[in-house]
PDB file of N, CA and C in Angstrom:
ATOM      1  N   MET A   1      32.060 -97.313  -9.106  1.00  0.00           N
ATOM      2  CA  MET A   1      31.216 -98.353  -9.660  1.00  0.00           C
ATOM      3  C   MET A   1      30.883 -97.974 -11.109  1.00  0.00           C
ATOM      4  N   ASP A   2      31.115 -98.889 -12.042  1.00  0.00           N
ATOM      5  CA  ASP A   2      30.819 -98.576 -13.438  1.00  0.00           C
ATOM      6  C   ASP A   2      29.319 -98.720 -13.724  1.00  0.00           C
ATOM      7  N   LEU A   3      28.914 -98.307 -14.906  1.00  0.00           N
ATOM      8  CA  LEU A   3      27.496 -98.274 -15.256  1.00  0.00           C
ATOM      9  C   LEU A   3      26.854 -99.654 -15.185  1.00  0.00           C
ATOM     10  N   GLN A   4      27.560-100.681 -15.651  1.00  0.00           N
ATOM     11  CA  GLN A   4      27.019-102.044 -15.613  1.00  0.00           C
ATOM     12  C   GLN A   4      26.726-102.464 -14.173  1.00  0.00           C
ATOM     13  N   GLN A   5      27.645-102.177 -13.266  1.00  0.00           N
ATOM     14  CA  GLN A   5      27.454-102.514 -11.856  1.00  0.00           C
ATOM     15  C   GLN A   5      26.299-101.707 -11.254  1.00  0.00           C
ATOM     16  N   GLN A   6      26.217-100.422 -11.602  1.00  0.00           N
ATOM     17  CA  GLN A   6      25.111 -99.592 -11.111  1.00  0.00           C
ATOM     18  C   GLN A   6      23.777-100.143 -11.600  1.00  0.00           C
ATOM     19  N   PHE A   7      23.751-100.564 -12.869  1.00  0.00           N
ATOM     20  CA  PHE A   7      22.534-101.125 -13.455  1.00  0.00           C
ATOM     21  C   PHE A   7      22.136-102.406 -12.727  1.00  0.00           C
ATOM     22  N   GLU A   8      23.089-103.297 -12.524  1.00  0.00           N
ATOM     23  CA  GLU A   8      22.800-104.556 -11.830  1.00  0.00           C
ATOM     24  C   GLU A   8      22.289-104.297 -10.415  1.00  0.00           C
ATOM     25  N   GLN A   9      22.873-103.312  -9.736  1.00  0.00           N
ATOM     26  CA  GLN A   9      22.413-102.967  -8.384  1.00  0.00           C
ATOM     27  C   GLN A   9      21.004-102.367  -8.437  1.00  0.00           C
ATOM     28  N   ALA A  10      20.729-101.559  -9.458  1.00  0.00           N
ATOM     29  CA  ALA A  10      19.390-100.972  -9.605  1.00  0.00           C
ATOM     30  C   ALA A  10      18.350-102.055  -9.852  1.00  0.00           C
ATOM     31  N   VAL A  11      18.710-103.097 -10.605  1.00  0.00           N
ATOM     32  CA  VAL A  11      17.788-104.216 -10.841  1.00  0.00           C
ATOM     33  C   VAL A  11      17.445-104.875  -9.504  1.00  0.00           C
ATOM     34  N   VAL A  12      18.454-105.098  -8.673  1.00  0.00           N
ATOM     35  CA  VAL A  12      18.225-105.680  -7.340  1.00  0.00           C
ATOM     36  C   VAL A  12      17.339-104.740  -6.516  1.00  0.00           C
ATOM     37  N   ASN A  13      17.672-103.455  -6.535  1.00  0.00           N
ATOM     38  CA  ASN A  13      16.919-102.468  -5.757  1.00  0.00           C
ATOM     39  C   ASN A  13      15.471-102.355  -6.222  1.00  0.00           C
ATOM     40  N   SER A  14      15.236-102.546  -7.517  1.00  0.00           N
ATOM     41  CA  SER A  14      13.874-102.409  -8.035  1.00  0.00           C
ATOM     42  C   SER A  14      12.942-103.470  -7.466  1.00  0.00           C
ATOM     43  N   LYS A  15      13.511-104.555  -6.994  1.00  0.00           N
ATOM     44  CA  LYS A  15      12.695-105.648  -6.444  1.00  0.00           C
ATOM     45  C   LYS A  15      12.398-105.454  -4.962  1.00  0.00           C
ATOM     46  N   THR A  16      12.981-104.409  -4.371  1.00  0.00           N
ATOM     47  CA  THR A  16      12.776-104.177  -2.937  1.00  0.00           C
ATOM     48  C   THR A  16      12.197-102.789  -2.663  1.00  0.00           C
ATOM     49  N   LEU A  17      11.468-102.242  -3.625  1.00  0.00           N
ATOM     50  CA  LEU A  17      10.845-100.931  -3.425  1.00  0.00           C
ATOM     51  C   LEU A  17       9.800-101.028  -2.330  1.00  0.00           C
ATOM     52  N   SER A  18       9.656 -99.967  -1.550  1.00  0.00           N
ATOM     53  CA  SER A  18       8.712 -99.992  -0.434  1.00  0.00           C
ATOM     54  C   SER A  18       7.263-100.044  -0.901  1.00  0.00           C
ATOM     55  N   GLU A  19       6.960 -99.448  -2.050  1.00  0.00           N
ATOM     56  CA  GLU A  19       5.622 -99.572  -2.611  1.00  0.00           C
ATOM     57  C   GLU A  19       5.698 -99.897  -4.092  1.00  0.00           C
ATOM     58  N   LYS A  20       4.685-100.609  -4.553  1.00  0.00           N
ATOM     59  CA  LYS A  20       4.651-100.991  -5.962  1.00  0.00           C
ATOM     60  C   LYS A  20       4.372 -99.750  -6.806  1.00  0.00           C
ATOM     61  N   PRO A  21       5.197 -99.523  -7.835  1.00  0.00           N
ATOM     62  CA  PRO A  21       4.973 -98.371  -8.721  1.00  0.00           C
ATOM     63  C   PRO A  21       3.671 -98.520  -9.514  1.00  0.00           C
ATOM     64  N   ASP A  22       3.163 -97.399 -10.044  1.00  0.00           N
ATOM     65  CA  ASP A  22       1.966 -97.471 -10.881  1.00  0.00           C
ATOM     66  C   ASP A  22       2.298 -98.177 -12.198  1.00  0.00           C
ATOM     67  N   ASN A  23       1.270 -98.514 -12.949  1.00  0.00           N
ATOM     68  CA  ASN A  23       1.458 -99.288 -14.183  1.00  0.00           C
ATOM     69  C   ASN A  23       2.347 -98.596 -15.205  1.00  0.00           C
ATOM     70  N   ASP A  24       2.220 -97.274 -15.345  1.00  0.00           N
ATOM     71  CA  ASP A  24       3.064 -96.545 -16.299  1.00  0.00           C
ATOM     72  C   ASP A  24       4.540 -96.652 -15.915  1.00  0.00           C
ATOM     73  N   THR A  25       4.815 -96.549 -14.627  1.00  0.00           N
ATOM     74  CA  THR A  25       6.197 -96.653 -14.160  1.00  0.00           C
ATOM     75  C   THR A  25       6.714 -98.080 -14.334  1.00  0.00           C
ATOM     76  N   LEU A  26       5.860 -99.059 -14.075  1.00  0.00           N
ATOM     77  CA  LEU A  26       6.264-100.453 -14.286  1.00  0.00           C
ATOM     78  C   LEU A  26       6.598-100.703 -15.754  1.00  0.00           C
ATOM     79  N   LEU A  27       5.806-100.136 -16.661  1.00  0.00           N
ATOM     80  CA  LEU A  27       6.093-100.273 -18.092  1.00  0.00           C
ATOM     81  C   LEU A  27       7.417 -99.598 -18.446  1.00  0.00           C
ATOM     82  N   GLN A  28       7.672 -98.458 -17.834  1.00  0.00           N
ATOM     83  CA  GLN A  28       8.921 -97.750 -18.082  1.00  0.00           C
ATOM     84  C   GLN A  28      10.111 -98.576 -17.590  1.00  0.00           C
ATOM     85  N   LEU A  29       9.987 -99.143 -16.401  1.00  0.00           N
ATOM     86  CA  LEU A  29      11.055 -99.996 -15.875  1.00  0.00           C
ATOM     87  C   LEU A  29      11.291-101.192 -16.799  1.00  0.00           C
ATOM     88  N   TYR A  30      10.203-101.833 -17.201  1.00  0.00           N
ATOM     89  CA  TYR A  30      10.296-102.996 -18.083  1.00  0.00           C
ATOM     90  C   TYR A  30      10.988-102.632 -19.395  1.00  0.00           C
ATOM     91  N   SER A  31      10.515-101.570 -20.031  1.00  0.00           N
ATOM     92  CA  SER A  31      11.041-101.218 -21.349  1.00  0.00           C
ATOM     93  C   SER A  31      12.509-100.797 -21.275  1.00  0.00           C
ATOM     94  N   LEU A  32      12.873-100.047 -20.256  1.00  0.00           N
ATOM     95  CA  LEU A  32      14.279 -99.653 -20.101  1.00  0.00           C
ATOM     96  C   LEU A  32      15.159-100.871 -19.844  1.00  0.00           C
ATOM     97  N   TYR A  33      14.667-101.800 -19.028  1.00  0.00           N
ATOM     98  CA  TYR A  33      15.425-103.023 -18.752  1.00  0.00           C
ATOM     99  C   TYR A  33      15.641-103.819 -20.041  1.00  0.00           C
ATOM    100  N   LYS A  34      14.569-104.006 -20.804  1.00  0.00           N
ATOM    101  CA  LYS A  34      14.665-104.775 -22.047  1.00  0.00           C
ATOM    102  C   LYS A  34      15.601-104.089 -23.046  1.00  0.00           C
ATOM    103  N   GLN A  35      15.502-102.768 -23.165  1.00  0.00           N
ATOM    104  CA  GLN A  35      16.362-102.036 -24.092  1.00  0.00           C
ATOM    105  C   GLN A  35      17.824-102.157 -23.650  1.00  0.00           C
ATOM    106  N   ALA A  36      18.056-102.085 -22.346  1.00  0.00           N
ATOM    107  CA  ALA A  36      19.421-102.163 -21.821  1.00  0.00           C
ATOM    108  C   ALA A  36      20.017-103.554 -21.979  1.00  0.00           C
ATOM    109  N   THR A  37      19.193-104.585 -21.890  1.00  0.00           N
ATOM    110  CA  THR A  37      19.723-105.947 -21.920  1.00  0.00           C
ATOM    111  C   THR A  37      19.640-106.606 -23.291  1.00  0.00           C
ATOM    112  N   GLU A  38      18.669-106.200 -24.123  1.00  0.00           N
ATOM    113  CA  GLU A  38      18.466-106.874 -25.405  1.00  0.00           C
ATOM    114  C   GLU A  38      18.551-105.958 -26.624  1.00  0.00           C
ATOM    115  N   GLY A  39      18.481-104.654 -26.417  1.00  0.00           N
ATOM    116  CA  GLY A  39      18.487-103.738 -27.555  1.00  0.00           C
ATOM    117  C   GLY A  39      17.077-103.525 -28.076  1.00  0.00           C
ATOM    118  N   ASN A  40      16.963-103.139 -29.341  1.00  0.00           N
ATOM    119  CA  ASN A  40      15.667-102.808 -29.925  1.00  0.00           C
ATOM    120  C   ASN A  40      14.695-103.984 -29.908  1.00  0.00           C
ATOM    121  N   ALA A  41      13.417-103.658 -29.743  1.00  0.00           N
ATOM    122  CA  ALA A  41      12.359-104.670 -29.708  1.00  0.00           C
ATOM    123  C   ALA A  41      12.217-105.321 -31.074  1.00  0.00           C
ATOM    124  N   GLY A  42      11.901-106.592 -31.057  1.00  0.00           N
ATOM    125  CA  GLY A  42      11.634-107.324 -32.301  1.00  0.00           C
ATOM    126  C   GLY A  42      10.151-107.292 -32.596  1.00  0.00           C
ATOM    127  N   GLU A  43       9.659-108.385 -33.159  1.00  0.00           N
ATOM    128  CA  GLU A  43       8.231-108.493 -33.469  1.00  0.00           C
ATOM    129  C   GLU A  43       7.411-108.486 -32.198  1.00  0.00           C
ATOM    130  N   GLY A  44       6.182-108.022 -32.332  1.00  0.00           N
ATOM    131  CA  GLY A  44       5.278-107.985 -31.193  1.00  0.00           C
ATOM    132  C   GLY A  44       4.752-109.361 -30.839  1.00  0.00           C
ATOM    133  N   PRO A  45       3.933-109.442 -29.790  1.00  0.00           N
ATOM    134  CA  PRO A  45       3.385-110.728 -29.362  1.00  0.00           C
ATOM    135  C   PRO A  45       2.485-111.330 -30.444  1.00  0.00           C
ATOM    136  N   SER A  46       2.480-112.652 -30.527  1.00  0.00           N
ATOM    137  CA  SER A  46       1.693-113.332 -31.560  1.00  0.00           C
ATOM    138  C   SER A  46       0.205-113.384 -31.209  1.00  0.00           C
ATOM    139  N   ASN A  47      -0.130-113.314 -29.932  1.00  0.00           N
ATOM    140  CA  ASN A  47      -1.524-113.355 -29.504  1.00  0.00           C
ATOM    141  C   ASN A  47      -2.059-111.921 -29.410  1.00  0.00           C
ATOM    142  N   ALA A  48      -2.924-111.572 -30.321  1.00  0.00           N
ATOM    143  CA  ALA A  48      -3.457-110.204 -30.363  1.00  0.00           C
ATOM    144  C   ALA A  48      -4.296-109.860 -29.140  1.00  0.00           C
ATOM    145  N   PHE A  49      -4.719-110.867 -28.405  1.00  0.00           N
ATOM    146  CA  PHE A  49      -5.563-110.632 -27.226  1.00  0.00           C
ATOM    147  C   PHE A  49      -4.765-110.619 -25.925  1.00  0.00           C
ATOM    148  N   ASP A  50      -3.463-110.763 -26.019  1.00  0.00           N
ATOM    149  CA  ASP A  50      -2.609-110.669 -24.834  1.00  0.00           C
ATOM    150  C   ASP A  50      -2.232-109.199 -24.666  1.00  0.00           C
ATOM    151  N   PHE A  51      -3.131-108.453 -24.038  1.00  0.00           N
ATOM    152  CA  PHE A  51      -2.984-107.009 -23.953  1.00  0.00           C
ATOM    153  C   PHE A  51      -1.787-106.581 -23.104  1.00  0.00           C
ATOM    154  N   VAL A  52      -1.483-107.332 -22.067  1.00  0.00           N
ATOM    155  CA  VAL A  52      -0.331-106.994 -21.229  1.00  0.00           C
ATOM    156  C   VAL A  52       0.949-107.074 -22.063  1.00  0.00           C
ATOM    157  N   ALA A  53       1.097-108.175 -22.801  1.00  0.00           N
ATOM    158  CA  ALA A  53       2.281-108.334 -23.653  1.00  0.00           C
ATOM    159  C   ALA A  53       2.323-107.240 -24.715  1.00  0.00           C
ATOM    160  N   LYS A  54       1.158-106.881 -25.238  1.00  0.00           N
ATOM    161  CA  LYS A  54       1.084-105.831 -26.268  1.00  0.00           C
ATOM    162  C   LYS A  54       1.567-104.492 -25.700  1.00  0.00           C
ATOM    163  N   PHE A  55       1.078-104.123 -24.509  1.00  0.00           N
ATOM    164  CA  PHE A  55       1.490-102.851 -23.901  1.00  0.00           C
ATOM    165  C   PHE A  55       2.983-102.852 -23.571  1.00  0.00           C
ATOM    166  N   LYS A  56       3.482-103.988 -23.078  1.00  0.00           N
ATOM    167  CA  LYS A  56       4.902-104.083 -22.761  1.00  0.00           C
ATOM    168  C   LYS A  56       5.741-103.900 -24.027  1.00  0.00           C
ATOM    169  N   HIS A  57       5.332-104.590 -25.094  1.00  0.00           N
ATOM    170  CA  HIS A  57       6.085-104.500 -26.343  1.00  0.00           C
ATOM    171  C   HIS A  57       6.048-103.083 -26.904  1.00  0.00           C
ATOM    172  N   GLU A  58       4.880-102.440 -26.856  1.00  0.00           N
ATOM    173  CA  GLU A  58       4.774-101.069 -27.364  1.00  0.00           C
ATOM    174  C   GLU A  58       5.673-100.114 -26.585  1.00  0.00           C
ATOM    175  N   ALA A  59       5.714-100.277 -25.259  1.00  0.00           N
ATOM    176  CA  ALA A  59       6.576 -99.416 -24.431  1.00  0.00           C
ATOM    177  C   ALA A  59       8.038 -99.631 -24.791  1.00  0.00           C
ATOM    178  N   TRP A  60       8.419-100.881 -25.010  1.00  0.00           N
ATOM    179  CA  TRP A  60       9.802-101.193 -25.372  1.00  0.00           C
ATOM    180  C   TRP A  60      10.120-100.654 -26.761  1.00  0.00           C
ATOM    181  N   ALA A  61       9.194-100.839 -27.704  1.00  0.00           N
ATOM    182  CA  ALA A  61       9.424-100.402 -29.092  1.00  0.00           C
ATOM    183  C   ALA A  61       9.629 -98.884 -29.180  1.00  0.00           C
ATOM    184  N   LYS A  62       9.028 -98.126 -28.267  1.00  0.00           N
ATOM    185  CA  LYS A  62       9.192 -96.665 -28.270  1.00  0.00           C
ATOM    186  C   LYS A  62      10.635 -96.255 -27.988  1.00  0.00           C
ATOM    187  N   LEU A  63      11.419 -97.161 -27.429  1.00  0.00           N
ATOM    188  CA  LEU A  63      12.819 -96.853 -27.106  1.00  0.00           C
ATOM    189  C   LEU A  63      13.775 -97.237 -28.234  1.00  0.00           C
ATOM    190  N   ALA A  64      13.239 -97.625 -29.382  1.00  0.00           N
ATOM    191  CA  ALA A  64      14.080 -98.029 -30.513  1.00  0.00           C
ATOM    192  C   ALA A  64      15.122 -96.956 -30.802  1.00  0.00           C
ATOM    193  N   GLY A  65      16.340 -97.375 -30.961  1.00  0.00           N
ATOM    194  CA  GLY A  65      17.422 -96.443 -31.253  1.00  0.00           C
ATOM    195  C   GLY A  65      18.139 -95.930 -30.013  1.00  0.00           C
ATOM    196  N   THR A  66      17.567 -96.172 -28.834  1.00  0.00           N
ATOM    197  CA  THR A  66      18.219 -95.772 -27.586  1.00  0.00           C
ATOM    198  C   THR A  66      19.362 -96.751 -27.326  1.00  0.00           C
ATOM    199  N   SER A  67      20.536 -96.240 -27.029  1.00  0.00           N
ATOM    200  CA  SER A  67      21.674 -97.127 -26.777  1.00  0.00           C
ATOM    201  C   SER A  67      21.452 -97.909 -25.482  1.00  0.00           C
ATOM    202  N   LYS A  68      22.109 -99.050 -25.402  1.00  0.00           N
ATOM    203  CA  LYS A  68      22.012 -99.856 -24.178  1.00  0.00           C
ATOM    204  C   LYS A  68      22.512 -99.058 -22.981  1.00  0.00           C
ATOM    205  N   GLU A  69      23.587 -98.297 -23.187  1.00  0.00           N
ATOM    206  CA  GLU A  69      24.153 -97.502 -22.086  1.00  0.00           C
ATOM    207  C   GLU A  69      23.181 -96.434 -21.614  1.00  0.00           C
ATOM    208  N   SER A  70      22.519 -95.771 -22.554  1.00  0.00           N
ATOM    209  CA  SER A  70      21.542 -94.746 -22.192  1.00  0.00           C
ATOM    210  C   SER A  70      20.365 -95.367 -21.445  1.00  0.00           C
ATOM    211  N   ALA A  71      19.898 -96.515 -21.911  1.00  0.00           N
ATOM    212  CA  ALA A  71      18.793 -97.199 -21.233  1.00  0.00           C
ATOM    213  C   ALA A  71      19.197 -97.623 -19.824  1.00  0.00           C
ATOM    214  N   MET A  72      20.427 -98.098 -19.670  1.00  0.00           N
ATOM    215  CA  MET A  72      20.918 -98.472 -18.332  1.00  0.00           C
ATOM    216  C   MET A  72      20.915 -97.258 -17.411  1.00  0.00           C
ATOM    217  N   GLN A  73      21.443 -96.139 -17.916  1.00  0.00           N
ATOM    218  CA  GLN A  73      21.529 -94.925 -17.112  1.00  0.00           C
ATOM    219  C   GLN A  73      20.138 -94.447 -16.700  1.00  0.00           C
ATOM    220  N   GLN A  74      19.200 -94.452 -17.640  1.00  0.00           N
ATOM    221  CA  GLN A  74      17.832 -94.030 -17.328  1.00  0.00           C
ATOM    222  C   GLN A  74      17.178 -94.968 -16.314  1.00  0.00           C
ATOM    223  N   TYR A  75      17.452 -96.256 -16.422  1.00  0.00           N
ATOM    224  CA  TYR A  75      16.912 -97.241 -15.480  1.00  0.00           C
ATOM    225  C   TYR A  75      17.464 -96.968 -14.073  1.00  0.00           C
ATOM    226  N   VAL A  76      18.784 -96.778 -13.991  1.00  0.00           N
ATOM    227  CA  VAL A  76      19.431 -96.490 -12.700  1.00  0.00           C
ATOM    228  C   VAL A  76      18.807 -95.243 -12.072  1.00  0.00           C
ATOM    229  N   GLU A  77      18.628 -94.192 -12.866  1.00  0.00           N
ATOM    230  CA  GLU A  77      18.060 -92.936 -12.351  1.00  0.00           C
ATOM    231  C   GLU A  77      16.608 -93.110 -11.911  1.00  0.00           C
ATOM    232  N   LEU A  78      15.825 -93.871 -12.668  1.00  0.00           N
ATOM    233  CA  LEU A  78      14.422 -94.092 -12.310  1.00  0.00           C
ATOM    234  C   LEU A  78      14.313 -94.863 -11.002  1.00  0.00           C
ATOM    235  N   VAL A  79      15.092 -95.918 -10.858  1.00  0.00           N
ATOM    236  CA  VAL A  79      15.050 -96.706  -9.613  1.00  0.00           C
ATOM    237  C   VAL A  79      15.502 -95.847  -8.427  1.00  0.00           C
ATOM    238  N   ALA A  80      16.505 -95.008  -8.641  1.00  0.00           N
ATOM    239  CA  ALA A  80      16.967 -94.114  -7.567  1.00  0.00           C
ATOM    240  C   ALA A  80      15.859 -93.175  -7.127  1.00  0.00           C
ATOM    241  N   ARG A  81      15.100 -92.642  -8.100  1.00  0.00           N
ATOM    242  CA  ARG A  81      13.967 -91.753  -7.760  1.00  0.00           C
ATOM    243  C   ARG A  81      12.891 -92.527  -7.001  1.00  0.00           C
ATOM    244  N   LEU A  82      12.635 -93.753  -7.411  1.00  0.00           N
ATOM    245  CA  LEU A  82      11.595 -94.556  -6.761  1.00  0.00           C
ATOM    246  C   LEU A  82      11.996 -94.961  -5.343  1.00  0.00           C
ATOM    247  N   LYS A  83      13.290 -95.169  -5.143  1.00  0.00           N
ATOM    248  CA  LYS A  83      13.782 -95.535  -3.808  1.00  0.00           C
ATOM    249  C   LYS A  83      13.692 -94.330  -2.859  1.00  0.00           C
ATOM    250  N   GLY A  84      13.699 -93.130  -3.467  1.00  0.00           N
ATOM    251  CA  GLY A  84      13.565 -91.901  -2.704  1.00  0.00           C
ATOM    252  C   GLY A  84      14.723 -91.646  -1.852  1.00  0.00           C
TER     253      GLY A  84
END
Protein backbone atom coordinates (compact mmCIF):
# COMPACT_ATOMS: atom_id res chain seq x y z
CA MET A 1 0.00 0.00 0.00
CA ASP A 2 1.50 3.36 -0.98
CA LEU A 3 1.58 6.40 1.30
CA GLN A 4 -1.49 8.02 -0.28
CA GLN A 5 -3.54 4.87 0.32
CA GLN A 6 -2.22 4.56 3.89
CA PHE A 7 -3.16 8.20 4.49
CA GLU A 8 -6.67 7.74 3.10
CA GLN A 9 -7.14 4.64 5.28
CA ALA A 10 -5.86 6.56 8.33
CA VAL A 11 -8.43 9.30 7.65
CA VAL A 12 -11.17 6.64 7.68
CA ASN A 13 -9.70 5.06 10.81
CA SER A 14 -9.51 8.41 12.60
CA LYS A 15 -13.29 8.63 12.47
CA THR A 16 -13.74 5.29 14.23
CA LEU A 17 -11.44 5.70 17.24
CA SER A 18 -12.77 4.03 20.37
CA GLU A 19 -12.34 7.22 22.40
CA LYS A 20 -12.21 10.85 21.44
CA PRO A 21 -8.63 12.19 21.59
CA ASP A 22 -7.80 15.19 23.80
CA ASN A 23 -7.87 18.67 22.28
CA ASP A 24 -4.10 18.82 21.65
CA THR A 25 -4.24 15.55 19.73
CA LEU A 26 -7.28 16.72 17.77
CA LEU A 27 -5.36 19.87 16.80
CA GLN A 28 -2.41 17.74 15.75
CA LEU A 29 -4.65 15.53 13.60
CA TYR A 30 -6.29 18.58 12.05
CA SER A 31 -3.04 20.38 11.29
CA LEU A 32 -1.34 17.30 9.82
CA TYR A 33 -4.40 16.61 7.66
CA LYS A 34 -4.50 20.19 6.38
CA GLN A 35 -0.74 20.23 5.70
CA ALA A 36 -0.98 16.90 3.87
CA THR A 37 -3.95 17.93 1.74
CA GLU A 38 -3.43 21.68 1.20
CA GLY A 39 0.18 22.52 2.05
CA ASN A 40 1.20 25.58 4.05
CA ALA A 41 -1.46 27.58 5.89
CA GLY A 42 -2.63 30.83 4.36
CA GLU A 43 -4.09 33.81 6.18
CA GLY A 44 -5.68 33.26 9.54
CA PRO A 45 -9.40 33.49 10.31
CA SER A 46 -11.01 36.88 9.71
CA ASN A 47 -13.01 36.79 12.96
CA ALA A 48 -10.62 37.53 15.81
CA PHE A 49 -13.12 36.13 18.29
CA ASP A 50 -13.38 32.72 16.63
CA PHE A 51 -10.91 31.12 19.01
CA VAL A 52 -11.38 27.57 17.72
CA ALA A 53 -10.51 28.66 14.18
CA LYS A 54 -7.57 30.66 15.56
CA PHE A 55 -6.13 27.66 17.44
CA LYS A 56 -6.63 25.40 14.42
CA HIS A 57 -4.89 27.87 12.13
CA GLU A 58 -1.99 28.36 14.56
CA ALA A 59 -1.47 24.58 14.83
CA TRP A 60 -1.48 24.28 11.04
CA ALA A 61 0.83 27.28 10.56
CA LYS A 62 3.44 25.64 12.85
CA LEU A 63 3.85 22.95 10.18
CA ALA A 64 4.91 25.46 7.50
CA GLY A 65 7.61 23.95 5.34
CA THR A 66 6.65 20.36 6.17
CA SER A 67 6.23 18.38 2.96
CA LYS A 68 2.85 16.88 2.16
CA GLU A 69 4.45 13.42 2.24
CA SER A 70 5.95 14.00 5.68
CA ALA A 71 2.62 15.28 7.01
CA MET A 72 0.85 12.23 5.57
CA GLN A 73 3.37 9.90 7.20
CA GLN A 74 3.05 11.64 10.58
CA TYR A 75 -0.76 11.51 10.33
CA VAL A 76 -0.69 7.77 9.53
CA GLU A 77 1.64 7.13 12.50
CA LEU A 78 -0.46 9.23 14.89
CA VAL A 79 -3.70 7.47 13.95
CA ALA A 80 -1.96 4.09 14.31
CA ARG A 81 -0.86 5.04 17.85
CA LEU A 82 -4.38 6.21 18.71
CA LYS A 83 -5.91 2.99 17.38
CA GLY A 84 -3.53 1.14 19.69
